[in-house]
């Protein structure tokens, strides 16, 4: 499954919507995606969204879609 992860680059500073970034990751579950992000980055994860069907097709066509591998 492919997930879109919304995050802040720094855990120390207060989150600001304008500084939220996203990445795409393939994982078996939300828990696995979160674990991979926490183990390999200093990011403050805000939200993890499952992409499937039309949502996945839209992201692949309209966003800077690249799967992150750790």
N, C-alpha and C. Protein backbone atom coordinates (compact mmCIF):
# COMPACT_ATOMS: atom_id res chain seq x y z
N UNK A 1 0.84 -1.17 0.00
CA UNK A 1 0.00 0.00 0.00
C UNK A 1 0.89 1.24 0.00
N UNK A 2 0.37 2.29 -0.59
CA UNK A 2 1.13 3.53 -0.67
C UNK A 2 0.45 4.56 0.24
N UNK A 3 1.29 5.24 1.03
CA UNK A 3 0.80 6.24 1.98
C UNK A 3 1.43 7.59 1.67
N UNK A 4 0.65 8.64 1.88
CA UNK A 4 1.16 10.00 1.82
C UNK A 4 1.34 10.47 3.25
N UNK A 5 2.55 10.89 3.57
CA UNK A 5 2.89 11.29 4.93
C UNK A 5 3.11 12.80 4.97
N UNK A 6 2.33 13.48 5.79
CA UNK A 6 2.49 14.92 6.00
C UNK A 6 3.38 15.10 7.23
N UNK A 7 4.39 15.96 7.10
CA UNK A 7 5.34 16.09 8.19
C UNK A 7 5.94 17.48 8.28
N UNK A 8 6.52 17.76 9.43
CA UNK A 8 7.36 18.93 9.66
C UNK A 8 8.79 18.42 9.74
N UNK A 9 9.74 19.18 9.24
CA UNK A 9 11.12 18.71 9.23
C UNK A 9 11.78 18.69 10.60
N UNK A 10 11.19 19.41 11.56
CA UNK A 10 11.84 19.56 12.86
C UNK A 10 10.85 19.24 13.97
N UNK A 11 11.25 18.43 14.94
CA UNK A 11 10.38 18.11 16.08
C UNK A 11 10.43 19.17 17.17
N UNK A 12 11.42 20.03 17.13
CA UNK A 12 11.62 21.00 18.21
C UNK A 12 10.72 22.23 18.04
N UNK A 13 10.59 22.74 16.82
CA UNK A 13 9.81 23.95 16.58
C UNK A 13 8.32 23.62 16.52
N UNK A 14 7.51 24.60 16.83
CA UNK A 14 6.06 24.42 16.74
C UNK A 14 5.65 24.21 15.29
N UNK A 15 4.76 23.27 15.03
CA UNK A 15 4.31 23.03 13.65
C UNK A 15 3.56 24.23 13.08
N UNK A 16 3.81 24.53 11.82
CA UNK A 16 3.11 25.59 11.11
C UNK A 16 2.61 25.00 9.80
N UNK A 17 1.35 25.21 9.52
CA UNK A 17 0.73 24.65 8.33
C UNK A 17 1.52 25.01 7.07
N UNK A 18 2.04 26.22 7.00
CA UNK A 18 2.76 26.68 5.82
C UNK A 18 4.05 25.90 5.59
N UNK A 19 4.56 25.25 6.61
CA UNK A 19 5.82 24.51 6.50
C UNK A 19 5.62 23.00 6.41
N UNK A 20 4.38 22.57 6.29
CA UNK A 20 4.10 21.14 6.18
C UNK A 20 4.55 20.64 4.81
N UNK A 21 5.25 19.53 4.81
CA UNK A 21 5.71 18.90 3.58
C UNK A 21 5.12 17.50 3.52
N UNK A 22 5.29 16.85 2.38
CA UNK A 22 4.76 15.50 2.26
C UNK A 22 5.73 14.61 1.50
N UNK A 23 5.60 13.32 1.76
CA UNK A 23 6.36 12.31 1.03
C UNK A 23 5.49 11.10 0.85
N UNK A 24 5.89 10.23 -0.04
CA UNK A 24 5.13 9.02 -0.34
C UNK A 24 5.97 7.82 0.04
N UNK A 25 5.34 6.85 0.69
CA UNK A 25 6.07 5.67 1.15
C UNK A 25 5.20 4.43 0.94
N UNK A 26 5.85 3.35 0.58
CA UNK A 26 5.15 2.08 0.45
C UNK A 26 5.38 1.26 1.71
N UNK A 27 4.29 0.82 2.33
CA UNK A 27 4.37 0.04 3.57
C UNK A 27 3.14 -0.86 3.67
N UNK A 28 3.22 -1.84 4.55
CA UNK A 28 2.11 -2.77 4.74
C UNK A 28 0.97 -2.18 5.56
N UNK A 29 1.27 -1.19 6.41
CA UNK A 29 0.25 -0.57 7.25
C UNK A 29 0.71 0.83 7.65
N UNK A 30 -0.21 1.60 8.25
CA UNK A 30 0.15 2.93 8.75
C UNK A 30 1.23 2.83 9.83
N UNK A 31 1.12 1.82 10.65
CA UNK A 31 2.09 1.63 11.73
C UNK A 31 3.49 1.38 11.14
N UNK A 32 3.57 0.55 10.11
CA UNK A 32 4.86 0.29 9.47
C UNK A 32 5.41 1.55 8.82
N UNK A 33 4.55 2.34 8.20
CA UNK A 33 4.98 3.59 7.58
C UNK A 33 5.53 4.55 8.65
N UNK A 34 4.80 4.69 9.75
CA UNK A 34 5.23 5.57 10.83
C UNK A 34 6.55 5.10 11.43
N UNK A 35 6.68 3.81 11.64
CA UNK A 35 7.91 3.26 12.20
C UNK A 35 9.09 3.53 11.29
N UNK A 36 8.93 3.35 9.99
CA UNK A 36 10.01 3.60 9.05
C UNK A 36 10.43 5.07 9.06
N UNK A 37 9.46 5.97 9.09
CA UNK A 37 9.76 7.41 9.14
C UNK A 37 10.49 7.76 10.43
N UNK A 38 9.99 7.28 11.55
CA UNK A 38 10.61 7.60 12.84
C UNK A 38 12.01 7.01 12.96
N UNK A 39 12.24 5.84 12.39
CA UNK A 39 13.55 5.19 12.48
C UNK A 39 14.61 5.84 11.59
N UNK A 40 14.19 6.49 10.50
CA UNK A 40 15.16 6.95 9.52
C UNK A 40 15.19 8.47 9.31
N UNK A 41 14.32 9.21 9.98
CA UNK A 41 14.31 10.66 9.80
C UNK A 41 14.08 11.36 11.14
N UNK A 42 14.38 12.66 11.20
CA UNK A 42 14.06 13.44 12.40
C UNK A 42 12.70 14.13 12.29
N UNK A 43 11.86 13.72 11.34
CA UNK A 43 10.62 14.41 11.03
C UNK A 43 9.57 14.26 12.13
N UNK A 44 8.73 15.27 12.23
CA UNK A 44 7.56 15.26 13.10
C UNK A 44 6.36 14.94 12.22
N UNK A 45 5.88 13.72 12.28
CA UNK A 45 4.79 13.27 11.42
C UNK A 45 3.46 13.85 11.94
N UNK A 46 2.73 14.49 11.04
CA UNK A 46 1.44 15.07 11.39
C UNK A 46 0.29 14.12 11.05
N UNK A 47 0.36 13.52 9.87
CA UNK A 47 -0.76 12.71 9.40
C UNK A 47 -0.27 11.72 8.35
N UNK A 48 -0.86 10.53 8.33
CA UNK A 48 -0.54 9.52 7.33
C UNK A 48 -1.85 9.15 6.64
N UNK A 49 -1.86 9.29 5.31
CA UNK A 49 -3.07 9.05 4.53
C UNK A 49 -2.84 7.90 3.54
N UNK A 50 -3.72 6.92 3.54
CA UNK A 50 -3.65 5.83 2.59
C UNK A 50 -4.10 6.33 1.23
N UNK A 51 -3.30 6.07 0.20
CA UNK A 51 -3.67 6.44 -1.16
C UNK A 51 -4.05 5.18 -1.92
N UNK A 52 -5.23 5.20 -2.51
CA UNK A 52 -5.66 4.08 -3.33
C UNK A 52 -6.69 4.59 -4.33
N UNK A 53 -6.89 3.85 -5.39
CA UNK A 53 -7.89 4.20 -6.39
C UNK A 53 -7.64 5.55 -7.03
N UNK A 54 -8.69 6.37 -7.07
CA UNK A 54 -8.62 7.69 -7.72
C UNK A 54 -7.63 8.63 -7.03
N UNK A 55 -7.53 8.53 -5.71
CA UNK A 55 -6.60 9.38 -4.97
C UNK A 55 -5.16 9.10 -5.39
N UNK A 56 -4.81 7.84 -5.49
CA UNK A 56 -3.47 7.45 -5.91
C UNK A 56 -3.21 7.89 -7.35
N UNK A 57 -4.16 7.67 -8.23
CA UNK A 57 -4.00 8.07 -9.64
C UNK A 57 -3.79 9.58 -9.75
N UNK A 58 -4.55 10.35 -8.98
CA UNK A 58 -4.41 11.80 -9.00
C UNK A 58 -3.02 12.23 -8.54
N UNK A 59 -2.56 11.69 -7.43
CA UNK A 59 -1.24 12.05 -6.91
C UNK A 59 -0.14 11.68 -7.90
N UNK A 60 -0.26 10.54 -8.55
CA UNK A 60 0.75 10.11 -9.52
C UNK A 60 0.80 11.03 -10.72
N UNK A 61 -0.33 11.61 -11.11
CA UNK A 61 -0.39 12.47 -12.28
C UNK A 61 -0.09 13.93 -11.98
N UNK A 62 -0.47 14.42 -10.80
CA UNK A 62 -0.44 15.87 -10.55
C UNK A 62 0.58 16.32 -9.50
N UNK A 63 1.15 15.44 -8.78
CA UNK A 63 2.10 15.85 -7.73
C UNK A 63 3.50 15.38 -8.10
N UNK A 64 4.46 15.83 -7.34
CA UNK A 64 5.84 15.37 -7.52
C UNK A 64 5.93 14.00 -6.85
N UNK A 65 5.41 12.99 -7.53
CA UNK A 65 5.23 11.66 -6.94
C UNK A 65 6.51 10.84 -7.09
N UNK A 66 7.14 10.57 -5.95
CA UNK A 66 8.29 9.68 -5.89
C UNK A 66 8.22 8.93 -4.57
N UNK A 67 8.31 7.62 -4.65
CA UNK A 67 8.31 6.81 -3.43
C UNK A 67 9.65 6.96 -2.73
N UNK A 68 9.61 7.17 -1.43
CA UNK A 68 10.81 7.25 -0.61
C UNK A 68 11.15 5.86 -0.13
N UNK A 69 12.42 5.51 -0.21
CA UNK A 69 12.86 4.20 0.29
C UNK A 69 13.91 4.42 1.37
N UNK A 70 13.79 3.66 2.44
CA UNK A 70 14.75 3.75 3.53
C UNK A 70 15.55 2.50 3.61
